[in-house]
Amino acid sequence: MSAIGYVIGESLRPGAVFQPQGLRLCKVSRIDVSASASAAQPGLWTLVEWEADSDDVGGLAQALADVLEPDNGWYADFTAGDERVVVFAGKVFRYRRGDEPGRAEAIAYGRSVGTPEHQLDWKE
């Protein structure tokens, strides 16, 4: 199974390394989010798009959960087959795409840790 996702470079803890086996870089870009970033977030983000062939979706998600900065509501997300995986520091949500209760649970958690409302918009 292939997993496809992204992580914002600035969301990683200092010194953290995200390097699961089979990880492939797809694209790196810089985006200006100064008009919509929270006061605690930088105005420029480095968006790292990646893919990985892995049957260990849980291990991949945990690798992300272990490297994300716990402050400011940072998260990363990816798809694996028909599953959506949303990862916060130390917390992983997995649900089938289209599962509104599963999505709502991840969004509620994001709100509880300070993710700005307009950033809780991952694609299904």
N, C-alpha and C. Protein backbone atom coordinates (compact mmCIF):
# COMPACT_ATOMS: atom_id res chain seq x y z
N MET A 1 0.85 -1.18 0.00
CA MET A 1 0.00 0.00 0.00
C MET A 1 0.89 1.24 0.00
N SER A 2 0.45 2.24 -0.67
CA SER A 2 1.20 3.49 -0.74
C SER A 2 0.53 4.54 0.14
N ALA A 3 1.33 5.29 0.86
CA ALA A 3 0.84 6.41 1.67
C ALA A 3 1.36 7.69 1.03
N ILE A 4 0.49 8.70 0.95
CA ILE A 4 0.84 9.98 0.34
C ILE A 4 0.42 11.08 1.29
N GLY A 5 1.35 12.00 1.61
CA GLY A 5 1.00 13.07 2.53
C GLY A 5 1.97 14.21 2.48
N TYR A 6 1.88 15.04 3.50
CA TYR A 6 2.77 16.18 3.60
C TYR A 6 3.04 16.48 5.07
N VAL A 7 4.10 17.21 5.29
CA VAL A 7 4.41 17.73 6.61
C VAL A 7 4.97 19.13 6.41
N ILE A 8 4.63 20.02 7.27
CA ILE A 8 5.16 21.39 7.22
C ILE A 8 6.47 21.39 7.99
N GLY A 9 7.54 21.79 7.32
CA GLY A 9 8.86 21.75 7.95
C GLY A 9 8.91 22.45 9.29
N GLU A 10 8.23 23.57 9.40
CA GLU A 10 8.26 24.36 10.63
C GLU A 10 7.49 23.69 11.77
N SER A 11 6.73 22.62 11.45
CA SER A 11 5.97 21.93 12.49
C SER A 11 6.79 20.87 13.21
N LEU A 12 8.01 20.61 12.74
CA LEU A 12 8.85 19.61 13.38
C LEU A 12 9.58 20.19 14.60
N ARG A 13 9.69 19.35 15.63
CA ARG A 13 10.46 19.77 16.81
C ARG A 13 11.92 19.98 16.42
N PRO A 14 12.59 20.95 17.02
CA PRO A 14 14.03 21.10 16.75
C PRO A 14 14.77 19.80 17.05
N GLY A 15 15.59 19.39 16.11
CA GLY A 15 16.37 18.17 16.26
C GLY A 15 15.64 16.90 15.84
N ALA A 16 14.36 16.99 15.54
CA ALA A 16 13.57 15.82 15.15
C ALA A 16 13.92 15.38 13.73
N VAL A 17 13.80 14.08 13.47
CA VAL A 17 14.07 13.53 12.15
C VAL A 17 12.90 12.62 11.78
N PHE A 18 12.27 12.90 10.65
CA PHE A 18 11.21 12.06 10.11
C PHE A 18 11.81 11.29 8.95
N GLN A 19 12.09 10.00 9.15
CA GLN A 19 12.80 9.21 8.14
C GLN A 19 12.35 7.75 8.16
N PRO A 20 11.05 7.51 8.00
CA PRO A 20 10.62 6.11 7.97
C PRO A 20 11.16 5.40 6.73
N GLN A 21 11.29 4.09 6.84
CA GLN A 21 11.81 3.29 5.74
C GLN A 21 10.91 3.45 4.51
N GLY A 22 11.52 3.62 3.35
CA GLY A 22 10.79 3.70 2.09
C GLY A 22 10.23 5.08 1.78
N LEU A 23 10.56 6.08 2.56
CA LEU A 23 10.05 7.43 2.34
C LEU A 23 10.67 8.04 1.08
N ARG A 24 9.82 8.63 0.24
CA ARG A 24 10.29 9.29 -0.97
C ARG A 24 9.77 10.72 -0.99
N LEU A 25 10.64 11.62 -1.32
CA LEU A 25 10.29 13.03 -1.43
C LEU A 25 9.62 13.28 -2.78
N CYS A 26 8.47 13.95 -2.76
CA CYS A 26 7.77 14.29 -4.00
C CYS A 26 8.02 15.74 -4.39
N LYS A 27 7.90 16.64 -3.42
CA LYS A 27 8.05 18.07 -3.73
C LYS A 27 8.27 18.84 -2.43
N VAL A 28 9.07 19.89 -2.52
CA VAL A 28 9.26 20.83 -1.42
C VAL A 28 8.94 22.21 -1.95
N SER A 29 8.09 22.94 -1.24
CA SER A 29 7.75 24.29 -1.68
C SER A 29 7.63 25.21 -0.47
N ARG A 30 7.77 26.49 -0.72
CA ARG A 30 7.60 27.51 0.33
C ARG A 30 6.33 28.26 0.02
N ILE A 31 5.50 28.46 1.04
CA ILE A 31 4.26 29.19 0.83
C ILE A 31 4.14 30.30 1.88
N ASP A 32 3.58 31.40 1.44
CA ASP A 32 3.36 32.56 2.32
C ASP A 32 1.96 32.42 2.91
N VAL A 33 1.90 32.21 4.21
CA VAL A 33 0.62 32.10 4.91
C VAL A 33 0.45 33.23 5.92
N SER A 34 1.22 34.30 5.73
CA SER A 34 1.22 35.39 6.71
C SER A 34 -0.16 35.99 6.92
N ALA A 35 -1.02 35.92 5.92
CA ALA A 35 -2.36 36.48 6.06
C ALA A 35 -3.27 35.61 6.91
N SER A 36 -2.89 34.32 7.10
CA SER A 36 -3.79 33.42 7.83
C SER A 36 -3.12 32.61 8.94
N ALA A 37 -1.82 32.75 9.13
CA ALA A 37 -1.14 32.01 10.20
C ALA A 37 -1.57 32.56 11.55
N SER A 38 -1.54 31.69 12.55
CA SER A 38 -1.84 32.17 13.90
C SER A 38 -0.65 33.01 14.37
N ALA A 39 -0.86 33.76 15.43
CA ALA A 39 0.19 34.63 15.96
C ALA A 39 1.42 33.83 16.38
N ALA A 40 1.22 32.57 16.76
CA ALA A 40 2.33 31.74 17.23
C ALA A 40 3.03 30.98 16.10
N GLN A 41 2.53 31.11 14.88
CA GLN A 41 3.11 30.39 13.75
C GLN A 41 3.87 31.35 12.83
N PRO A 42 4.90 30.83 12.16
CA PRO A 42 5.63 31.68 11.21
C PRO A 42 4.76 31.99 9.99
N GLY A 43 5.06 33.07 9.32
CA GLY A 43 4.30 33.48 8.14
C GLY A 43 4.69 32.77 6.86
N LEU A 44 5.83 32.10 6.85
CA LEU A 44 6.27 31.31 5.70
C LEU A 44 6.39 29.85 6.14
N TRP A 45 5.84 28.95 5.33
CA TRP A 45 5.91 27.53 5.63
C TRP A 45 6.66 26.80 4.53
N THR A 46 7.38 25.75 4.92
CA THR A 46 8.02 24.84 3.99
C THR A 46 7.17 23.58 3.92
N LEU A 47 6.53 23.38 2.79
CA LEU A 47 5.63 22.24 2.61
C LEU A 47 6.41 21.10 1.97
N VAL A 48 6.50 19.97 2.68
CA VAL A 48 7.23 18.80 2.20
C VAL A 48 6.21 17.71 1.87
N GLU A 49 6.05 17.44 0.57
CA GLU A 49 5.14 16.38 0.14
C GLU A 49 5.94 15.10 -0.03
N TRP A 50 5.39 13.99 0.44
CA TRP A 50 6.12 12.72 0.44
C TRP A 50 5.17 11.57 0.12
N GLU A 51 5.79 10.43 -0.16
CA GLU A 51 5.05 9.19 -0.30
C GLU A 51 5.91 8.07 0.25
N ALA A 52 5.25 6.99 0.63
CA ALA A 52 5.96 5.83 1.17
C ALA A 52 5.17 4.58 0.85
N ASP A 53 5.87 3.52 0.47
CA ASP A 53 5.25 2.22 0.31
C ASP A 53 5.40 1.53 1.66
N SER A 54 4.27 1.35 2.32
CA SER A 54 4.34 0.75 3.64
C SER A 54 3.02 0.11 4.01
N ASP A 55 3.08 -1.09 4.52
CA ASP A 55 1.90 -1.73 5.08
C ASP A 55 1.75 -1.35 6.55
N ASP A 56 2.75 -0.68 7.09
CA ASP A 56 2.74 -0.29 8.49
C ASP A 56 2.27 1.16 8.63
N VAL A 57 0.99 1.38 8.35
CA VAL A 57 0.43 2.73 8.44
C VAL A 57 0.55 3.26 9.86
N GLY A 58 0.33 2.40 10.85
CA GLY A 58 0.45 2.81 12.24
C GLY A 58 1.86 3.27 12.58
N GLY A 59 2.86 2.54 12.09
CA GLY A 59 4.25 2.93 12.34
C GLY A 59 4.60 4.25 11.69
N LEU A 60 4.11 4.45 10.48
CA LEU A 60 4.33 5.70 9.76
C LEU A 60 3.69 6.86 10.51
N ALA A 61 2.45 6.66 10.96
CA ALA A 61 1.75 7.69 11.72
C ALA A 61 2.47 7.99 13.03
N GLN A 62 2.94 6.95 13.71
CA GLN A 62 3.65 7.15 14.97
C GLN A 62 4.96 7.90 14.75
N ALA A 63 5.64 7.62 13.63
CA ALA A 63 6.88 8.34 13.32
C ALA A 63 6.60 9.84 13.21
N LEU A 64 5.48 10.21 12.61
CA LEU A 64 5.09 11.63 12.54
C LEU A 64 4.72 12.17 13.92
N ALA A 65 3.94 11.40 14.66
CA ALA A 65 3.50 11.85 15.99
C ALA A 65 4.69 12.11 16.91
N ASP A 66 5.77 11.38 16.69
CA ASP A 66 6.97 11.52 17.52
C ASP A 66 7.81 12.74 17.18
N VAL A 67 7.63 13.33 15.98
CA VAL A 67 8.50 14.45 15.58
C VAL A 67 7.80 15.80 15.54
N LEU A 68 6.47 15.82 15.62
CA LEU A 68 5.76 17.09 15.53
C LEU A 68 5.89 17.91 16.80
N GLU A 69 5.99 19.20 16.62
CA GLU A 69 6.05 20.16 17.72
C GLU A 69 4.71 20.11 18.47
N PRO A 70 4.73 19.97 19.79
CA PRO A 70 3.47 19.85 20.52
C PRO A 70 2.72 21.17 20.72
N ASP A 71 3.36 22.28 20.45
CA ASP A 71 2.71 23.58 20.64
C ASP A 71 2.08 24.07 19.35
N ASN A 72 1.10 24.93 19.46
CA ASN A 72 0.48 25.64 18.34
C ASN A 72 -0.41 24.79 17.44
N GLY A 73 -0.78 23.58 17.88
CA GLY A 73 -1.73 22.79 17.14
C GLY A 73 -1.26 22.24 15.81
N TRP A 74 0.04 22.09 15.62
CA TRP A 74 0.56 21.56 14.37
C TRP A 74 0.04 20.14 14.14
N TYR A 75 -0.20 19.80 12.90
CA TYR A 75 -0.56 18.43 12.53
C TYR A 75 -0.01 18.14 11.14
N ALA A 76 -0.01 16.87 10.80
CA ALA A 76 0.31 16.41 9.44
C ALA A 76 -0.77 15.39 9.09
N ASP A 77 -0.99 15.19 7.80
CA ASP A 77 -1.98 14.20 7.41
C ASP A 77 -1.53 13.48 6.16
N PHE A 78 -2.09 12.28 5.99
CA PHE A 78 -1.80 11.52 4.79
C PHE A 78 -2.92 10.53 4.51
N THR A 79 -2.91 10.00 3.30
CA THR A 79 -3.85 8.96 2.92
C THR A 79 -3.09 7.67 2.71
N ALA A 80 -3.75 6.57 3.01
CA ALA A 80 -3.22 5.24 2.76
C ALA A 80 -4.41 4.39 2.31
N GLY A 81 -4.50 4.13 1.02
CA GLY A 81 -5.67 3.44 0.49
C GLY A 81 -6.90 4.33 0.68
N ASP A 82 -7.94 3.80 1.29
CA ASP A 82 -9.13 4.60 1.53
C ASP A 82 -9.17 5.18 2.94
N GLU A 83 -8.03 5.16 3.60
CA GLU A 83 -7.93 5.66 4.97
C GLU A 83 -7.30 7.05 5.01
N ARG A 84 -7.82 7.91 5.84
CA ARG A 84 -7.25 9.23 6.12
C ARG A 84 -6.60 9.13 7.49
N VAL A 85 -5.37 9.63 7.59
CA VAL A 85 -4.63 9.61 8.85
C VAL A 85 -4.25 11.05 9.17
N VAL A 86 -4.67 11.51 10.34
CA VAL A 86 -4.37 12.87 10.79
C VAL A 86 -3.56 12.73 12.07
N VAL A 87 -2.39 13.37 12.09
CA VAL A 87 -1.43 13.15 13.16
C VAL A 87 -1.08 14.47 13.84
N PHE A 88 -1.23 14.50 15.15
CA PHE A 88 -0.78 15.60 16.00
C PHE A 88 0.38 15.07 16.83
N ALA A 89 1.08 15.92 17.52
CA ALA A 89 2.16 15.47 18.40
C ALA A 89 1.58 14.49 19.42
N GLY A 90 2.03 13.26 19.39
CA GLY A 90 1.60 12.27 20.36
C GLY A 90 0.20 11.71 20.18
N LYS A 91 -0.49 12.05 19.09
CA LYS A 91 -1.88 11.61 18.91
C LYS A 91 -2.15 11.34 17.43
N VAL A 92 -2.76 10.17 17.15
CA VAL A 92 -3.04 9.76 15.78
C VAL A 92 -4.53 9.46 15.64
N PHE A 93 -5.12 9.96 14.55
CA PHE A 93 -6.50 9.65 14.19
C PHE A 93 -6.50 8.95 12.84
N ARG A 94 -7.20 7.83 12.77
CA ARG A 94 -7.32 7.07 11.52
C ARG A 94 -8.80 6.80 11.28
N TYR A 95 -9.24 7.11 10.07
CA TYR A 95 -10.63 6.84 9.72
C TYR A 95 -10.75 6.68 8.21
N ARG A 96 -11.79 6.01 7.79
CA ARG A 96 -12.04 5.85 6.36
C ARG A 96 -12.50 7.19 5.79
N ARG A 97 -12.01 7.52 4.61
CA ARG A 97 -12.44 8.76 3.97
C ARG A 97 -13.96 8.76 3.85
N GLY A 98 -14.56 9.89 4.17
CA GLY A 98 -16.00 10.01 4.16
C GLY A 98 -16.65 9.72 5.50
N ASP A 99 -15.88 9.23 6.48
CA ASP A 99 -16.41 8.94 7.82
C ASP A 99 -16.49 10.24 8.61
N GLU A 100 -17.65 10.88 8.59
CA GLU A 100 -17.80 12.19 9.24
C GLU A 100 -17.56 12.15 10.75
N PRO A 101 -18.03 11.13 11.50
CA PRO A 101 -17.71 11.10 12.93
C PRO A 101 -16.20 10.99 13.20
N GLY A 102 -15.49 10.20 12.39
CA GLY A 102 -14.04 10.09 12.54
C GLY A 102 -13.35 11.40 12.27
N ARG A 103 -13.77 12.06 11.22
CA ARG A 103 -13.22 13.38 10.87
C ARG A 103 -13.52 14.39 11.97
N ALA A 104 -14.76 14.38 12.47
CA ALA A 104 -15.16 15.33 13.52
C ALA A 104 -14.33 15.14 14.79
N GLU A 105 -14.00 13.90 15.11
CA GLU A 105 -13.19 13.64 16.30
C GLU A 105 -11.79 14.25 16.14
N ALA A 106 -11.19 14.10 14.96
CA ALA A 106 -9.86 14.67 14.71
C ALA A 106 -9.93 16.20 14.74
N ILE A 107 -10.97 16.78 14.16
CA ILE A 107 -11.12 18.24 14.16
C ILE A 107 -11.30 18.76 15.59
N ALA A 108 -12.13 18.07 16.38
CA ALA A 108 -12.34 18.50 17.77
C ALA A 108 -11.03 18.46 18.55
N TYR A 109 -10.22 17.43 18.32
CA TYR A 109 -8.93 17.37 19.00
C TYR A 109 -8.04 18.53 18.56
N GLY A 110 -8.02 18.81 17.25
CA GLY A 110 -7.23 19.93 16.75
C GLY A 110 -7.62 21.24 17.41
N ARG A 111 -8.90 21.47 17.54
CA ARG A 111 -9.37 22.68 18.24
C ARG A 111 -8.86 22.71 19.67
N SER A 112 -8.89 21.54 20.33
CA SER A 112 -8.50 21.48 21.75
C SER A 112 -7.02 21.77 21.97
N VAL A 113 -6.19 21.55 20.93
CA VAL A 113 -4.75 21.81 21.08
C VAL A 113 -4.32 23.09 20.39
N GLY A 114 -5.29 23.89 19.92
CA GLY A 114 -4.96 25.22 19.40
C GLY A 114 -4.75 25.34 17.91
N THR A 115 -5.16 24.33 17.13
CA THR A 115 -5.06 24.47 15.68
C THR A 115 -6.07 25.53 15.24
N PRO A 116 -5.63 26.55 14.51
CA PRO A 116 -6.58 27.55 14.03
C PRO A 116 -7.68 26.90 13.19
N GLU A 117 -8.89 27.38 13.36
CA GLU A 117 -10.07 26.78 12.71
C GLU A 117 -9.88 26.62 11.20
N HIS A 118 -9.35 27.63 10.54
CA HIS A 118 -9.21 27.56 9.09
C HIS A 118 -8.14 26.56 8.63
N GLN A 119 -7.34 26.04 9.57
CA GLN A 119 -6.34 25.05 9.21
C GLN A 119 -6.86 23.62 9.39
N LEU A 120 -8.07 23.49 9.88
CA LEU A 120 -8.67 22.17 10.07
C LEU A 120 -9.44 21.77 8.81
N ASP A 121 -8.75 21.85 7.69
CA ASP A 121 -9.41 21.71 6.38
C ASP A 121 -8.78 20.65 5.48
N TRP A 122 -8.19 19.61 6.09
CA TRP A 122 -7.55 18.61 5.24
C TRP A 122 -8.56 18.01 4.28
N LYS A 123 -8.06 17.62 3.14
CA LYS A 123 -8.90 17.07 2.08
C LYS A 123 -9.26 15.62 2.40
N GLU A 124 -10.42 15.22 1.98
CA GLU A 124 -10.83 13.82 2.12
C GLU A 124 -10.36 13.09 0.90
